[in-house]
Amino acid sequence: MGGYSFDLTGRTVLVTGASSGIGRHFAKKLARSGARVALAARRIEALESLRAEIEADGGIAVATPMDVADEASTIAAYDAIEAAIGPVDSVIANAGVSSGKSALGMDIDEFDRIVAINQRGVFLTAREGARRMIKAGSAERGHGRIVIISSVTAWYTSAHTVTYSATKAAVTQMGRTMALDWANKGVNVNVVCPGYMRTELTDDFLSSDKGQALLDSFPRRRLMDIDVLDPTVLFLCSDASAQITGSVFAIDDGQTL
């Protein structure tokens, strides 16, 4: 798995939620595959550390603060990226948050925060990216790529994930609808739904008794390794995926069987 790669030389890829977890992992993998990588999140210190790490490894990266739930912040981030490394032609809409509370114990402010980041944030990120790709001539070049990182919880029920699951179901359908809307504009939109893996977002839950019970319910009784997502994400950013749009890829090691 470690040697599997696509050549993304010449592409400029924006990764949201790049300060930790899956986003950080994707950013490093994309840079090693030749892409210029725009690192976006609210924690600029973590992004600068990652930028330095990528550049030390021979890659090209820029770090920019971005609140995906805020339209002005999203537009400003795209402007800054274009000025630094050129127009974005690929987007990994990855930023997301969760909560371990049941519907009964969740206050409405927390509900709104999760929806704002996970659903509104994907919409703003994808829409602004598509607008710029289309303006740059994606219909002629066919280079536009948007990959939405959803979750198997979009259809797989798990305790205390009511708001998170709802947002993931929403962005999965959002991705398919955007793919249809932009099919003739040179922008491919696809959705990747990972299963459970250990990241900063999931570590507390998976370390709990409830998390262990969930793990024991999986057919293979194990968590996924983060790098199993790499071939699919790199493929969907590459020229090899030119005729793939509106697809949903569940990568879960059989967890939802």
Protein backbone atom coordinates (compact mmCIF):
# COMPACT_ATOMS: atom_id res chain seq x y z
CA MET A 1 0.00 0.00 0.00
CA GLY A 2 2.80 2.42 0.83
CA GLY A 3 4.17 2.46 -2.74
CA TYR A 4 0.83 3.06 -4.43
CA SER A 5 0.62 6.53 -5.94
CA PHE A 6 -0.71 8.73 -8.75
CA ASP A 7 1.30 11.50 -10.34
CA LEU A 8 -0.42 14.77 -9.43
CA THR A 9 2.34 17.03 -10.72
CA GLY A 10 0.84 20.31 -11.90
CA ARG A 11 -2.27 20.10 -9.74
CA THR A 12 -3.12 22.50 -6.92
CA VAL A 13 -5.15 20.78 -4.22
CA LEU A 14 -6.96 22.44 -1.32
CA VAL A 15 -7.39 20.29 1.78
CA THR A 16 -9.74 21.62 4.46
CA GLY A 17 -9.38 20.41 8.01
CA ALA A 18 -5.69 19.86 7.27
CA SER A 19 -4.46 20.64 10.78
CA SER A 20 -5.00 17.09 12.07
CA GLY A 21 -6.28 13.59 11.40
CA ILE A 22 -7.32 12.52 7.91
CA GLY A 23 -6.79 15.99 6.45
CA ARG A 24 -3.20 16.18 7.64
CA HIS A 25 -2.57 12.68 6.29
CA PHE A 26 -4.07 13.51 2.88
CA ALA A 27 -2.05 16.71 2.58
CA LYS A 28 1.24 14.89 3.07
CA LYS A 29 0.25 12.13 0.64
CA LEU A 30 -0.86 14.60 -2.04
CA ALA A 31 2.39 16.55 -1.76
CA ARG A 32 4.42 13.37 -2.09
CA SER A 33 2.43 12.63 -5.25
CA GLY A 34 3.55 15.91 -6.80
CA ALA A 35 0.66 18.27 -6.04
CA ARG A 36 0.97 21.79 -4.73
CA VAL A 37 -1.04 21.61 -1.53
CA ALA A 38 -3.08 24.35 0.11
CA LEU A 39 -3.52 23.63 3.81
CA ALA A 40 -6.64 25.15 5.33
CA ALA A 41 -8.08 25.10 8.85
CA ARG A 42 -8.68 27.42 11.76
CA ARG A 43 -5.54 26.37 13.67
CA ILE A 44 -2.87 28.23 11.71
CA GLU A 45 -0.03 27.14 14.02
CA ALA A 46 -0.69 23.47 13.23
CA LEU A 47 -0.88 24.28 9.52
CA GLU A 48 2.46 26.09 9.56
CA SER A 49 4.06 23.09 11.24
CA LEU A 50 2.64 20.81 8.55
CA ARG A 51 3.74 23.20 5.80
CA ALA A 52 7.29 23.12 7.11
CA GLU A 53 7.19 19.32 7.25
CA ILE A 54 5.97 19.06 3.64
CA GLU A 55 8.57 21.52 2.39
CA ALA A 56 11.33 19.67 4.25
CA ASP A 57 10.22 16.57 2.35
CA GLY A 58 10.61 18.40 -0.96
CA GLY A 59 6.95 19.36 -1.47
CA ILE A 60 5.19 22.65 -2.13
CA ALA A 61 2.59 23.84 0.37
CA VAL A 62 0.92 26.99 1.62
CA ALA A 63 -0.96 27.42 4.91
CA THR A 64 -3.99 29.66 5.14
CA PRO A 65 -6.54 30.19 7.92
CA MET A 66 -10.05 29.22 6.85
CA ASP A 67 -13.32 28.88 8.71
CA VAL A 68 -15.33 26.69 6.34
CA ALA A 69 -18.62 27.76 7.94
CA ASP A 70 -17.96 31.42 7.09
CA GLU A 71 -18.43 32.52 3.48
CA ALA A 72 -16.09 35.52 3.69
CA SER A 73 -13.34 33.42 5.28
CA THR A 74 -13.73 30.76 2.59
CA ILE A 75 -13.49 33.30 -0.25
CA ALA A 76 -10.48 34.99 1.37
CA ALA A 77 -8.71 31.65 1.73
CA TYR A 78 -9.17 30.85 -1.96
CA ASP A 79 -7.88 34.33 -2.85
CA ALA A 80 -4.78 33.81 -0.69
CA ILE A 81 -4.11 30.38 -2.16
CA GLU A 82 -4.38 31.66 -5.75
CA ALA A 83 -1.95 34.47 -4.99
CA ALA A 84 0.56 32.06 -3.42
CA ILE A 85 0.51 28.92 -5.60
CA GLY A 86 -2.11 29.44 -8.32
CA PRO A 87 -5.75 28.51 -8.89
CA VAL A 88 -7.12 25.46 -7.09
CA ASP A 89 -8.17 22.68 -9.46
CA SER A 90 -8.84 19.98 -6.86
CA VAL A 91 -10.56 20.16 -3.47
CA ILE A 92 -10.66 17.70 -0.58
CA ALA A 93 -13.63 18.91 1.51
CA ASN A 94 -12.63 17.18 4.71
CA ALA A 95 -13.22 19.60 7.62
CA GLY A 96 -15.62 18.20 10.18
CA VAL A 97 -16.50 17.91 13.86
CA SER A 98 -18.50 15.46 15.93
CA SER A 99 -20.08 15.04 19.34
CA GLY A 100 -20.50 12.09 21.64
CA LYS A 101 -23.84 13.31 22.98
CA SER A 102 -27.24 11.83 22.35
CA ALA A 103 -30.03 13.95 20.92
CA LEU A 104 -31.50 14.26 24.41
CA GLY A 105 -28.29 15.69 25.84
CA MET A 106 -27.28 18.01 23.02
CA ASP A 107 -28.07 21.71 23.22
CA ILE A 108 -29.09 23.57 20.09
CA ASP A 109 -25.90 25.64 19.93
CA GLU A 110 -23.82 22.48 19.60
CA PHE A 111 -26.24 21.12 16.99
CA ASP A 112 -25.89 24.33 14.98
CA ARG A 113 -22.09 24.26 15.25
CA ILE A 114 -21.86 20.72 13.87
CA VAL A 115 -24.26 21.47 11.01
CA ALA A 116 -22.42 24.72 10.21
CA ILE A 117 -19.03 23.04 9.87
CA ASN A 118 -19.99 19.64 8.46
CA GLN A 119 -22.74 20.65 6.04
CA ARG A 120 -22.64 24.40 5.40
CA GLY A 121 -18.83 24.17 5.33
CA VAL A 122 -18.80 21.50 2.63
CA PHE A 123 -21.28 23.52 0.58
CA LEU A 124 -19.25 26.74 0.80
CA THR A 125 -15.95 24.97 0.12
CA ALA A 126 -17.25 23.02 -2.87
CA ARG A 127 -19.23 25.90 -4.36
CA GLU A 128 -16.37 28.38 -4.19
CA GLY A 129 -13.98 25.80 -5.60
CA ALA A 130 -16.32 24.97 -8.48
CA ARG A 131 -16.90 28.64 -9.30
CA ARG A 132 -13.18 29.20 -9.65
CA MET A 133 -12.54 25.98 -11.57
CA ILE A 134 -15.28 26.90 -14.06
CA LYS A 135 -13.92 30.44 -14.43
CA ALA A 136 -10.46 29.00 -15.09
CA GLY A 137 -11.77 26.85 -17.95
CA SER A 138 -12.53 23.47 -16.39
CA ALA A 139 -15.12 22.77 -19.10
CA GLU A 140 -12.35 22.78 -21.71
CA ARG A 141 -9.58 21.17 -19.66
CA GLY A 142 -11.70 18.76 -17.61
CA HIS A 143 -9.41 19.10 -14.60
CA GLY A 144 -11.93 20.06 -11.93
CA ARG A 145 -12.03 17.64 -9.00
CA ILE A 146 -13.99 17.85 -5.74
CA VAL A 147 -13.80 15.01 -3.22
CA ILE A 148 -16.16 15.21 -0.25
CA ILE A 149 -15.12 13.22 2.80
CA SER A 150 -18.32 11.85 4.29
CA SER A 151 -18.69 8.79 6.54
CA VAL A 152 -20.33 5.38 6.67
CA THR A 153 -22.56 6.90 9.36
CA ALA A 154 -24.42 8.50 6.45
CA TRP A 155 -26.42 5.24 6.41
CA TYR A 156 -24.98 3.14 9.25
CA THR A 157 -26.61 3.87 12.60
CA SER A 158 -24.34 4.30 15.59
CA ALA A 159 -25.26 5.56 19.05
CA HIS A 160 -24.77 9.23 19.91
CA THR A 161 -23.99 10.36 16.35
CA VAL A 162 -27.37 11.80 15.43
CA THR A 163 -26.21 15.22 14.23
CA TYR A 164 -22.92 14.03 12.78
CA SER A 165 -24.67 11.22 10.87
CA ALA A 166 -27.34 13.58 9.55
CA THR A 167 -24.72 15.98 8.20
CA LYS A 168 -22.82 13.14 6.56
CA ALA A 169 -25.98 11.85 4.89
CA ALA A 170 -26.66 15.39 3.70
CA VAL A 171 -23.24 15.98 2.15
CA THR A 172 -23.29 12.57 0.49
CA GLN A 173 -26.45 13.52 -1.39
CA MET A 174 -25.12 17.05 -1.85
CA GLY A 175 -22.09 15.65 -3.64
CA ARG A 176 -24.19 13.59 -6.03
CA THR A 177 -26.44 16.55 -6.81
CA MET A 178 -23.49 18.87 -7.38
CA ALA A 179 -22.02 16.27 -9.71
CA LEU A 180 -25.18 16.41 -11.80
CA ASP A 181 -25.34 20.23 -11.73
CA TRP A 182 -21.70 20.57 -12.85
CA ALA A 183 -21.43 17.51 -15.14
CA ASN A 184 -21.04 19.67 -18.26
CA LYS A 185 -18.74 22.19 -16.61
CA GLY A 186 -15.66 20.00 -16.23
CA VAL A 187 -15.99 19.54 -12.47
CA ASN A 188 -16.18 16.00 -11.12
CA VAL A 189 -17.67 15.60 -7.64
CA ASN A 190 -17.31 12.33 -5.75
CA VAL A 191 -17.83 11.24 -2.16
CA VAL A 192 -15.63 9.02 0.02
CA CYS A 193 -17.25 7.42 3.07
CA PRO A 194 -14.60 6.06 5.45
CA GLY A 195 -15.32 3.58 8.19
CA TYR A 196 -14.10 3.93 11.75
CA MET A 197 -10.42 4.66 12.31
CA ARG A 198 -8.49 6.22 15.15
CA THR A 199 -7.97 9.96 14.67
CA GLU A 200 -8.11 13.05 16.88
CA LEU A 201 -11.84 13.23 16.14
CA THR A 202 -12.62 9.67 17.24
CA ASP A 203 -9.96 8.82 19.81
CA ASP A 204 -11.98 9.55 22.96
CA PHE A 205 -14.99 7.55 21.80
CA LEU A 206 -12.98 4.59 20.53
CA SER A 207 -11.08 4.44 23.83
CA SER A 208 -14.33 4.15 25.78
CA ASP A 209 -16.29 1.02 26.66
CA LYS A 210 -18.90 1.98 24.05
CA GLY A 211 -16.20 2.33 21.45
CA GLN A 212 -14.80 -1.09 22.28
CA ALA A 213 -18.29 -2.58 22.03
CA LEU A 214 -18.67 -1.03 18.57
CA LEU A 215 -15.31 -2.42 17.48
CA ASP A 216 -16.31 -5.88 18.73
CA SER A 217 -19.44 -5.70 16.57
CA PHE A 218 -17.46 -5.36 13.33
CA PRO A 219 -17.03 -8.58 11.31
CA ARG A 220 -13.23 -8.25 11.44
CA ARG A 221 -13.17 -6.73 14.95
CA ARG A 222 -10.66 -4.05 14.02
CA LEU A 223 -10.33 -0.41 13.07
CA MET A 224 -9.20 0.72 9.65
CA ASP A 225 -5.71 2.01 8.95
CA ILE A 226 -5.79 5.59 7.71
CA ASP A 227 -3.70 4.86 4.62
CA VAL A 228 -6.33 2.57 3.10
CA LEU A 229 -8.05 5.73 1.82
CA ASP A 230 -5.02 6.89 -0.15
CA PRO A 231 -5.49 5.03 -3.46
CA THR A 232 -9.11 6.17 -3.82
CA VAL A 233 -8.48 9.81 -2.91
CA LEU A 234 -5.41 10.08 -5.14
CA PHE A 235 -7.27 8.40 -7.98
CA LEU A 236 -10.21 10.80 -7.68
CA CYS A 237 -7.85 13.79 -7.84
CA SER A 238 -5.99 12.46 -10.87
CA ASP A 239 -6.60 12.49 -14.62
CA ALA A 240 -7.42 8.77 -14.38
CA SER A 241 -10.82 9.63 -12.85
CA ALA A 242 -11.95 11.84 -15.75
CA GLN A 243 -15.10 9.77 -16.34
CA ILE A 244 -16.07 9.26 -12.70
CA THR A 245 -18.45 11.74 -11.10
CA GLY A 246 -21.38 11.44 -8.71
CA SER A 247 -20.00 8.24 -7.20
CA VAL A 248 -19.98 7.29 -3.53
CA PHE A 249 -17.11 5.12 -2.32
CA ALA A 250 -17.57 3.26 0.97
CA ILE A 251 -14.20 2.21 2.38
CA ASP A 252 -14.81 0.53 5.72
CA ASP A 253 -13.06 -2.87 5.92
CA GLY A 254 -16.46 -4.49 6.01
CA GLN A 255 -17.49 -2.67 9.19
CA THR A 256 -21.04 -2.01 7.98
CA LEU A 257 -21.74 -5.51 6.65
